[in-house]
Amino acid sequence: LLNFFMNLNFKDGRIEIHSGAANIILKDTSVVIDDYVMDFPGEFERRGVFVEIRESGSLLFVLTIEGKTLIYLPEGTSAESLEALRDLNNKDMVIFPANETLWKTVETWEASVIAPFGTKAGEFLSKLGQTVEKSDAASIKATDFESEVTRFVALG
């Protein structure tokens, strides 16, 4: 975990993650790793990345990258559908569309890294009183998960 490093990029309305040997693309209805498309409920493994897709009104994505749990909520996720994730003990990082309805649930998860995305992501975090540099790219390190303080990253 000492070498844990992840790059997030937001471009063309999608999120790209580079971690170790894996290049991951998060889209509204799928997760793609090296041209391998995962777009229906189930459990998948590619390049050491475990992907679990749950369906609850829309698709919800749970990725395990180097032992860290990343939850990706695509555009259009409803607050009600988040019930489907209640059994997850670890929610290390959450990437979700910047909206207050989802935030009410996400803030109770106490994630180490919270990354709202979309054109209003920066504005959204400012309203929550978070000082954040708005960026299309961010680097996440092991220390971000060890800190007592949540790191906020605005993508978009």
N, C-alpha and C. Protein backbone atom coordinates (compact mmCIF):
# COMPACT_ATOMS: atom_id res chain seq x y z
N LEU A 1 0.82 -1.21 0.00
CA LEU A 1 0.00 0.00 0.00
C LEU A 1 0.86 1.26 0.00
N LEU A 2 2.10 1.14 0.45
CA LEU A 2 2.97 2.31 0.49
C LEU A 2 3.12 2.96 -0.88
N ASN A 3 3.10 2.13 -1.91
CA ASN A 3 3.26 2.66 -3.26
C ASN A 3 1.93 2.98 -3.92
N PHE A 4 0.84 2.88 -3.14
CA PHE A 4 -0.48 3.12 -3.71
C PHE A 4 -0.54 4.50 -4.34
N PHE A 5 -0.99 4.53 -5.56
CA PHE A 5 -1.05 5.79 -6.29
C PHE A 5 -2.12 5.66 -7.35
N MET A 6 -2.92 6.67 -7.48
CA MET A 6 -4.02 6.62 -8.43
C MET A 6 -4.17 8.00 -9.07
N ASN A 7 -4.27 8.03 -10.37
CA ASN A 7 -4.54 9.30 -11.06
C ASN A 7 -5.97 9.30 -11.56
N LEU A 8 -6.69 10.37 -11.27
CA LEU A 8 -8.05 10.54 -11.77
C LEU A 8 -8.05 11.63 -12.82
N ASN A 9 -8.73 11.38 -13.92
CA ASN A 9 -8.89 12.41 -14.96
C ASN A 9 -10.35 12.47 -15.36
N PHE A 10 -10.85 13.68 -15.50
CA PHE A 10 -12.22 13.86 -15.96
C PHE A 10 -12.15 14.49 -17.33
N LYS A 11 -12.60 13.73 -18.35
CA LYS A 11 -12.61 14.32 -19.68
C LYS A 11 -13.68 13.69 -20.55
N ASP A 12 -14.23 14.48 -21.41
CA ASP A 12 -15.31 14.02 -22.30
C ASP A 12 -16.46 13.41 -21.51
N GLY A 13 -16.74 13.96 -20.32
CA GLY A 13 -17.87 13.50 -19.52
C GLY A 13 -17.68 12.14 -18.87
N ARG A 14 -16.45 11.67 -18.85
CA ARG A 14 -16.20 10.38 -18.20
C ARG A 14 -14.98 10.51 -17.30
N ILE A 15 -14.81 9.54 -16.43
CA ILE A 15 -13.69 9.57 -15.49
C ILE A 15 -12.73 8.45 -15.82
N GLU A 16 -11.46 8.80 -15.91
CA GLU A 16 -10.43 7.80 -16.18
C GLU A 16 -9.57 7.67 -14.94
N ILE A 17 -9.26 6.44 -14.58
CA ILE A 17 -8.41 6.17 -13.42
C ILE A 17 -7.23 5.34 -13.90
N HIS A 18 -6.05 5.78 -13.52
CA HIS A 18 -4.84 5.01 -13.82
C HIS A 18 -4.26 4.59 -12.49
N SER A 19 -4.15 3.28 -12.28
CA SER A 19 -3.60 2.76 -11.03
C SER A 19 -2.83 1.49 -11.33
N GLY A 20 -1.57 1.48 -11.02
CA GLY A 20 -0.75 0.30 -11.30
C GLY A 20 -0.81 -0.03 -12.78
N ALA A 21 -1.15 -1.26 -13.07
CA ALA A 21 -1.17 -1.70 -14.47
C ALA A 21 -2.53 -1.43 -15.12
N ALA A 22 -3.49 -0.98 -14.34
CA ALA A 22 -4.85 -0.87 -14.86
C ALA A 22 -5.21 0.54 -15.30
N ASN A 23 -5.86 0.62 -16.46
CA ASN A 23 -6.47 1.86 -16.93
C ASN A 23 -7.97 1.62 -16.93
N ILE A 24 -8.65 2.39 -16.09
CA ILE A 24 -10.08 2.18 -15.85
C ILE A 24 -10.85 3.38 -16.36
N ILE A 25 -11.93 3.14 -17.08
CA ILE A 25 -12.79 4.23 -17.53
C ILE A 25 -14.17 4.03 -16.93
N LEU A 26 -14.64 5.06 -16.21
CA LEU A 26 -15.97 5.02 -15.61
C LEU A 26 -16.92 5.81 -16.50
N LYS A 27 -17.95 5.13 -17.01
CA LYS A 27 -18.95 5.79 -17.85
C LYS A 27 -20.29 5.71 -17.13
N ASP A 28 -21.33 6.30 -17.72
CA ASP A 28 -22.63 6.29 -17.07
C ASP A 28 -23.20 4.89 -16.86
N THR A 29 -22.93 3.99 -17.79
CA THR A 29 -23.55 2.67 -17.69
C THR A 29 -22.54 1.52 -17.69
N SER A 30 -21.26 1.85 -17.55
CA SER A 30 -20.27 0.77 -17.59
C SER A 30 -18.94 1.19 -16.96
N VAL A 31 -18.15 0.16 -16.66
CA VAL A 31 -16.76 0.34 -16.28
C VAL A 31 -15.97 -0.41 -17.34
N VAL A 32 -14.93 0.23 -17.87
CA VAL A 32 -14.12 -0.39 -18.92
C VAL A 32 -12.67 -0.48 -18.44
N ILE A 33 -12.10 -1.67 -18.48
CA ILE A 33 -10.69 -1.85 -18.16
C ILE A 33 -10.05 -2.53 -19.37
N ASP A 34 -9.11 -1.85 -19.99
CA ASP A 34 -8.42 -2.38 -21.17
C ASP A 34 -9.40 -2.92 -22.22
N ASP A 35 -10.35 -2.13 -22.61
CA ASP A 35 -11.34 -2.51 -23.63
C ASP A 35 -12.29 -3.62 -23.19
N TYR A 36 -12.22 -4.04 -21.94
CA TYR A 36 -13.15 -5.04 -21.41
C TYR A 36 -14.30 -4.29 -20.75
N VAL A 37 -15.49 -4.39 -21.34
CA VAL A 37 -16.64 -3.62 -20.88
C VAL A 37 -17.45 -4.42 -19.87
N MET A 38 -17.69 -3.82 -18.72
CA MET A 38 -18.53 -4.43 -17.69
C MET A 38 -19.76 -3.53 -17.53
N ASP A 39 -20.91 -4.03 -17.99
CA ASP A 39 -22.09 -3.15 -18.03
C ASP A 39 -23.38 -3.84 -17.57
N PHE A 40 -23.24 -4.91 -16.79
CA PHE A 40 -24.43 -5.55 -16.24
C PHE A 40 -24.08 -6.09 -14.85
N PRO A 41 -25.09 -6.30 -13.99
CA PRO A 41 -24.82 -6.72 -12.62
C PRO A 41 -23.99 -8.00 -12.55
N GLY A 42 -23.07 -8.03 -11.60
CA GLY A 42 -22.22 -9.20 -11.42
C GLY A 42 -20.89 -8.81 -10.82
N GLU A 43 -19.98 -9.79 -10.77
CA GLU A 43 -18.65 -9.55 -10.25
C GLU A 43 -17.63 -9.86 -11.33
N PHE A 44 -16.65 -8.98 -11.46
CA PHE A 44 -15.66 -9.09 -12.52
C PHE A 44 -14.28 -8.85 -11.92
N GLU A 45 -13.26 -9.32 -12.63
CA GLU A 45 -11.89 -9.05 -12.21
C GLU A 45 -11.07 -8.84 -13.47
N ARG A 46 -10.30 -7.78 -13.46
CA ARG A 46 -9.46 -7.46 -14.62
C ARG A 46 -8.23 -6.73 -14.11
N ARG A 47 -7.06 -7.19 -14.47
CA ARG A 47 -5.80 -6.52 -14.10
C ARG A 47 -5.68 -6.26 -12.59
N GLY A 48 -6.18 -7.17 -11.78
CA GLY A 48 -6.06 -7.01 -10.34
C GLY A 48 -7.09 -6.06 -9.75
N VAL A 49 -8.01 -5.57 -10.57
CA VAL A 49 -9.08 -4.70 -10.09
C VAL A 49 -10.36 -5.52 -10.04
N PHE A 50 -11.00 -5.53 -8.88
CA PHE A 50 -12.27 -6.25 -8.73
C PHE A 50 -13.40 -5.25 -8.91
N VAL A 51 -14.38 -5.62 -9.72
CA VAL A 51 -15.51 -4.74 -10.00
C VAL A 51 -16.78 -5.50 -9.65
N GLU A 52 -17.60 -4.90 -8.80
CA GLU A 52 -18.91 -5.46 -8.50
C GLU A 52 -19.93 -4.44 -8.98
N ILE A 53 -20.87 -4.91 -9.79
CA ILE A 53 -21.92 -4.02 -10.28
C ILE A 53 -23.23 -4.47 -9.66
N ARG A 54 -23.87 -3.52 -8.98
CA ARG A 54 -25.17 -3.80 -8.36
C ARG A 54 -26.23 -2.98 -9.08
N GLU A 55 -27.41 -3.55 -9.17
CA GLU A 55 -28.51 -2.82 -9.82
C GLU A 55 -29.54 -2.45 -8.77
N SER A 56 -29.86 -1.17 -8.74
CA SER A 56 -30.87 -0.69 -7.81
C SER A 56 -31.47 0.57 -8.43
N GLY A 57 -32.35 0.38 -9.39
CA GLY A 57 -32.88 1.52 -10.13
C GLY A 57 -31.91 1.89 -11.25
N SER A 58 -30.63 2.03 -10.90
CA SER A 58 -29.59 2.24 -11.91
C SER A 58 -28.41 1.36 -11.49
N LEU A 59 -27.37 1.34 -12.30
CA LEU A 59 -26.21 0.53 -11.95
C LEU A 59 -25.33 1.29 -10.98
N LEU A 60 -24.85 0.59 -9.95
CA LEU A 60 -23.92 1.15 -8.97
C LEU A 60 -22.65 0.32 -9.05
N PHE A 61 -21.51 0.98 -9.01
CA PHE A 61 -20.24 0.29 -9.24
C PHE A 61 -19.37 0.33 -7.99
N VAL A 62 -18.88 -0.84 -7.58
CA VAL A 62 -17.98 -0.95 -6.44
C VAL A 62 -16.68 -1.55 -6.95
N LEU A 63 -15.61 -0.77 -6.91
CA LEU A 63 -14.32 -1.23 -7.41
C LEU A 63 -13.37 -1.42 -6.24
N THR A 64 -12.62 -2.50 -6.25
CA THR A 64 -11.59 -2.69 -5.24
C THR A 64 -10.25 -2.62 -5.96
N ILE A 65 -9.49 -1.57 -5.62
CA ILE A 65 -8.20 -1.33 -6.25
C ILE A 65 -7.15 -1.35 -5.15
N GLU A 66 -6.23 -2.30 -5.22
CA GLU A 66 -5.17 -2.44 -4.22
C GLU A 66 -5.72 -2.37 -2.79
N GLY A 67 -6.82 -3.07 -2.56
CA GLY A 67 -7.37 -3.17 -1.21
C GLY A 67 -8.26 -2.00 -0.79
N LYS A 68 -8.39 -1.00 -1.63
CA LYS A 68 -9.23 0.16 -1.31
C LYS A 68 -10.55 0.07 -2.07
N THR A 69 -11.63 0.40 -1.39
CA THR A 69 -12.96 0.32 -2.01
C THR A 69 -13.36 1.68 -2.57
N LEU A 70 -13.60 1.70 -3.87
CA LEU A 70 -14.01 2.91 -4.55
C LEU A 70 -15.45 2.71 -5.03
N ILE A 71 -16.32 3.61 -4.65
CA ILE A 71 -17.71 3.53 -5.09
C ILE A 71 -17.93 4.58 -6.16
N TYR A 72 -18.45 4.15 -7.29
CA TYR A 72 -18.76 5.07 -8.38
C TYR A 72 -20.27 5.09 -8.60
N LEU A 73 -20.84 6.28 -8.41
CA LEU A 73 -22.27 6.48 -8.65
C LEU A 73 -22.40 7.30 -9.92
N PRO A 74 -22.93 6.72 -10.99
CA PRO A 74 -23.03 7.46 -12.24
C PRO A 74 -24.12 8.53 -12.19
N GLU A 75 -24.10 9.40 -13.18
CA GLU A 75 -25.13 10.42 -13.37
C GLU A 75 -26.48 9.71 -13.36
N GLY A 76 -27.46 10.29 -12.70
CA GLY A 76 -28.79 9.68 -12.70
C GLY A 76 -29.04 8.73 -11.54
N THR A 77 -28.04 8.53 -10.66
CA THR A 77 -28.23 7.67 -9.49
C THR A 77 -29.19 8.36 -8.53
N SER A 78 -30.15 7.62 -8.01
CA SER A 78 -31.10 8.23 -7.06
C SER A 78 -30.66 7.92 -5.64
N ALA A 79 -31.05 8.77 -4.72
CA ALA A 79 -30.70 8.57 -3.31
C ALA A 79 -31.26 7.24 -2.80
N GLU A 80 -32.43 6.87 -3.26
CA GLU A 80 -33.05 5.61 -2.83
C GLU A 80 -32.20 4.40 -3.21
N SER A 81 -31.58 4.46 -4.36
CA SER A 81 -30.81 3.31 -4.83
C SER A 81 -29.57 3.06 -3.97
N LEU A 82 -29.16 4.05 -3.17
CA LEU A 82 -27.96 3.89 -2.35
C LEU A 82 -28.15 2.89 -1.22
N GLU A 83 -29.41 2.54 -0.93
CA GLU A 83 -29.70 1.49 0.05
C GLU A 83 -28.96 0.20 -0.31
N ALA A 84 -28.78 -0.03 -1.60
CA ALA A 84 -28.14 -1.26 -2.08
C ALA A 84 -26.67 -1.35 -1.67
N LEU A 85 -26.12 -0.25 -1.16
CA LEU A 85 -24.71 -0.25 -0.77
C LEU A 85 -24.53 -0.26 0.75
N ARG A 86 -25.64 -0.35 1.46
CA ARG A 86 -25.59 -0.21 2.91
C ARG A 86 -24.72 -1.26 3.59
N ASP A 87 -24.66 -2.46 3.01
CA ASP A 87 -23.90 -3.55 3.62
C ASP A 87 -22.38 -3.42 3.46
N LEU A 88 -21.93 -2.48 2.65
CA LEU A 88 -20.48 -2.32 2.46
C LEU A 88 -19.86 -1.68 3.69
N ASN A 89 -18.87 -2.34 4.26
CA ASN A 89 -18.22 -1.77 5.44
C ASN A 89 -17.23 -0.69 5.06
N ASN A 90 -16.46 -0.93 4.01
CA ASN A 90 -15.46 0.04 3.61
C ASN A 90 -15.94 0.85 2.42
N LYS A 91 -15.94 2.13 2.62
CA LYS A 91 -16.24 3.04 1.52
C LYS A 91 -15.10 4.06 1.54
N ASP A 92 -13.95 3.64 1.01
CA ASP A 92 -12.75 4.47 1.11
C ASP A 92 -12.83 5.72 0.24
N MET A 93 -13.43 5.56 -0.94
CA MET A 93 -13.48 6.68 -1.87
C MET A 93 -14.82 6.64 -2.59
N VAL A 94 -15.42 7.82 -2.78
CA VAL A 94 -16.70 7.89 -3.48
C VAL A 94 -16.60 8.92 -4.59
N ILE A 95 -16.98 8.50 -5.79
CA ILE A 95 -17.04 9.40 -6.95
C ILE A 95 -18.52 9.47 -7.33
N PHE A 96 -19.08 10.68 -7.30
CA PHE A 96 -20.52 10.80 -7.54
C PHE A 96 -20.86 12.13 -8.21
N PRO A 97 -22.01 12.18 -8.92
CA PRO A 97 -22.40 13.44 -9.55
C PRO A 97 -22.69 14.48 -8.47
N ALA A 98 -22.21 15.69 -8.67
CA ALA A 98 -22.36 16.75 -7.67
C ALA A 98 -23.83 17.13 -7.53
N ASN A 99 -24.51 16.54 -6.55
CA ASN A 99 -25.86 16.99 -6.24
C ASN A 99 -26.17 16.74 -4.78
N GLU A 100 -27.01 17.60 -4.22
CA GLU A 100 -27.26 17.58 -2.78
C GLU A 100 -28.04 16.36 -2.31
N THR A 101 -28.89 15.82 -3.17
CA THR A 101 -29.68 14.65 -2.79
C THR A 101 -28.76 13.48 -2.45
N LEU A 102 -27.79 13.21 -3.31
CA LEU A 102 -26.85 12.12 -3.05
C LEU A 102 -25.93 12.45 -1.88
N TRP A 103 -25.57 13.73 -1.76
CA TRP A 103 -24.65 14.14 -0.71
C TRP A 103 -25.16 13.78 0.68
N LYS A 104 -26.45 13.90 0.89
CA LYS A 104 -27.02 13.61 2.21
C LYS A 104 -26.65 12.19 2.67
N THR A 105 -26.60 11.25 1.74
CA THR A 105 -26.19 9.88 2.08
C THR A 105 -24.67 9.75 2.09
N VAL A 106 -24.02 10.27 1.06
CA VAL A 106 -22.57 10.12 0.93
C VAL A 106 -21.84 10.67 2.15
N GLU A 107 -22.32 11.79 2.70
CA GLU A 107 -21.60 12.39 3.84
C GLU A 107 -21.63 11.49 5.07
N THR A 108 -22.62 10.61 5.17
CA THR A 108 -22.69 9.70 6.33
C THR A 108 -21.70 8.53 6.20
N TRP A 109 -21.13 8.34 5.01
CA TRP A 109 -20.23 7.22 4.78
C TRP A 109 -18.83 7.42 5.34
N GLU A 110 -18.47 8.65 5.66
CA GLU A 110 -17.14 8.94 6.20
C GLU A 110 -16.02 8.38 5.33
N ALA A 111 -16.10 8.63 4.05
CA ALA A 111 -15.07 8.18 3.12
C ALA A 111 -13.80 9.02 3.28
N SER A 112 -12.66 8.44 2.94
CA SER A 112 -11.39 9.16 3.02
C SER A 112 -11.26 10.18 1.90
N VAL A 113 -11.76 9.80 0.72
CA VAL A 113 -11.68 10.68 -0.45
C VAL A 113 -13.08 10.80 -1.05
N ILE A 114 -13.53 12.03 -1.23
CA ILE A 114 -14.84 12.27 -1.82
C ILE A 114 -14.64 13.13 -3.06
N ALA A 115 -15.11 12.62 -4.20
CA ALA A 115 -14.87 13.30 -5.47
C ALA A 115 -16.17 13.49 -6.25
N PRO A 116 -16.85 14.63 -6.03
CA PRO A 116 -18.00 14.93 -6.88
C PRO A 116 -17.50 15.31 -8.28
N PHE A 117 -18.30 15.00 -9.29
CA PHE A 117 -17.89 15.35 -10.65
C PHE A 117 -19.01 16.10 -11.37
N GLY A 118 -18.61 16.76 -12.46
CA GLY A 118 -19.57 17.50 -13.28
C GLY A 118 -19.27 18.99 -13.25
N THR A 119 -20.00 19.74 -14.05
CA THR A 119 -19.70 21.16 -14.20
C THR A 119 -19.91 21.95 -12.91
N LYS A 120 -20.73 21.45 -12.00
CA LYS A 120 -21.00 22.17 -10.77
C LYS A 120 -20.22 21.63 -9.56
N ALA A 121 -19.25 20.75 -9.78
CA ALA A 121 -18.53 20.10 -8.68
C ALA A 121 -17.84 21.11 -7.75
N GLY A 122 -17.13 22.08 -8.32
CA GLY A 122 -16.43 23.08 -7.51
C GLY A 122 -17.39 23.92 -6.70
N GLU A 123 -18.41 24.40 -7.38
CA GLU A 123 -19.46 25.21 -6.75
C GLU A 123 -20.14 24.42 -5.63
N PHE A 124 -20.40 23.16 -5.88
CA PHE A 124 -21.03 22.26 -4.93
C PHE A 124 -20.20 22.16 -3.64
N LEU A 125 -18.90 21.93 -3.78
CA LEU A 125 -18.05 21.80 -2.60
C LEU A 125 -17.90 23.13 -1.87
N SER A 126 -17.90 24.22 -2.60
CA SER A 126 -17.83 25.55 -1.97
C SER A 126 -19.04 25.75 -1.07
N LYS A 127 -20.22 25.34 -1.56
CA LYS A 127 -21.44 25.45 -0.76
C LYS A 127 -21.34 24.63 0.52
N LEU A 128 -20.59 23.54 0.48
CA LEU A 128 -20.41 22.70 1.66
C LEU A 128 -19.32 23.24 2.57
N GLY A 129 -18.73 24.37 2.16
CA GLY A 129 -17.69 24.98 2.98
C GLY A 129 -16.32 24.36 2.79
N GLN A 130 -16.12 23.64 1.70
CA GLN A 130 -14.83 23.02 1.43
C GLN A 130 -14.02 23.88 0.47
N THR A 131 -12.78 24.10 0.79
CA THR A 131 -11.90 24.82 -0.13
C THR A 131 -11.27 23.78 -1.04
N VAL A 132 -11.52 23.91 -2.31
CA VAL A 132 -11.06 22.88 -3.24
C VAL A 132 -10.57 23.53 -4.51
N GLU A 133 -9.47 23.04 -5.02
CA GLU A 133 -9.07 23.49 -6.33
C GLU A 133 -9.79 22.61 -7.33
N LYS A 134 -10.47 23.27 -8.24
CA LYS A 134 -11.25 22.54 -9.24
C LYS A 134 -10.26 22.09 -10.31
N SER A 135 -10.35 20.84 -10.69
CA SER A 135 -9.36 20.33 -11.61
C SER A 135 -9.93 19.20 -12.43
N ASP A 136 -9.35 18.98 -13.60
CA ASP A 136 -9.75 17.84 -14.41
C ASP A 136 -8.93 16.61 -14.04
N ALA A 137 -7.91 16.81 -13.20
CA ALA A 137 -7.05 15.70 -12.83
C ALA A 137 -6.67 15.79 -11.36
N ALA A 138 -6.50 14.64 -10.73
CA ALA A 138 -6.08 14.61 -9.33
C ALA A 138 -5.28 13.33 -9.08
N SER A 139 -4.36 13.40 -8.15
CA SER A 139 -3.59 12.22 -7.75
C SER A 139 -3.98 11.84 -6.34
N ILE A 140 -4.25 10.57 -6.14
CA ILE A 140 -4.64 10.05 -4.84
C ILE A 140 -3.49 9.17 -4.36
N LYS A 141 -3.04 9.39 -3.14
CA LYS A 141 -1.92 8.62 -2.60
C LYS A 141 -2.38 7.83 -1.38
N ALA A 142 -1.55 6.90 -0.94
CA ALA A 142 -1.87 6.08 0.24
C ALA A 142 -2.17 6.95 1.46
N THR A 143 -1.44 8.04 1.60
CA THR A 143 -1.62 8.90 2.78
C THR A 143 -3.01 9.51 2.83
N ASP A 144 -3.67 9.66 1.67
CA ASP A 144 -5.04 10.21 1.65
C ASP A 144 -6.01 9.29 2.40
N PHE A 145 -5.69 8.00 2.45
CA PHE A 145 -6.57 7.05 3.11
C PHE A 145 -6.23 6.87 4.59
N GLU A 146 -5.04 7.32 4.97
CA GLU A 146 -4.61 7.18 6.36
C GLU A 146 -4.96 8.39 7.20
N SER A 147 -5.26 9.49 6.54
CA SER A 147 -5.53 10.75 7.24
C SER A 147 -6.89 10.70 7.94
N GLU A 148 -7.02 11.45 9.02
CA GLU A 148 -8.30 11.55 9.73
C GLU A 148 -9.24 12.50 8.99
N VAL A 149 -8.67 13.30 8.11
CA VAL A 149 -9.44 14.33 7.42
C VAL A 149 -9.83 13.85 6.02
N THR A 150 -11.08 14.07 5.66
CA THR A 150 -11.54 13.69 4.33
C THR A 150 -10.92 14.61 3.29
N ARG A 151 -10.43 14.05 2.21
CA ARG A 151 -9.90 14.85 1.11
C ARG A 151 -11.01 15.01 0.07
N PHE A 152 -11.28 16.25 -0.31
CA PHE A 152 -12.29 16.54 -1.32
C PHE A 152 -11.62 16.89 -2.63
N VAL A 153 -12.09 16.27 -3.71
CA VAL A 153 -11.54 16.53 -5.04
C VAL A 153 -12.72 16.84 -5.96
N ALA A 154 -12.70 18.00 -6.59
CA ALA A 154 -13.77 18.35 -7.54
C ALA A 154 -13.28 18.02 -8.95
N LEU A 155 -14.01 17.13 -9.62
CA LEU A 155 -13.64 16.74 -10.98
C LEU A 155 -14.62 17.35 -11.96
N GLY A 156 -14.14 18.24 -12.81
CA GLY A 156 -15.05 18.78 -13.82
C GLY A 156 -14.83 20.22 -14.13
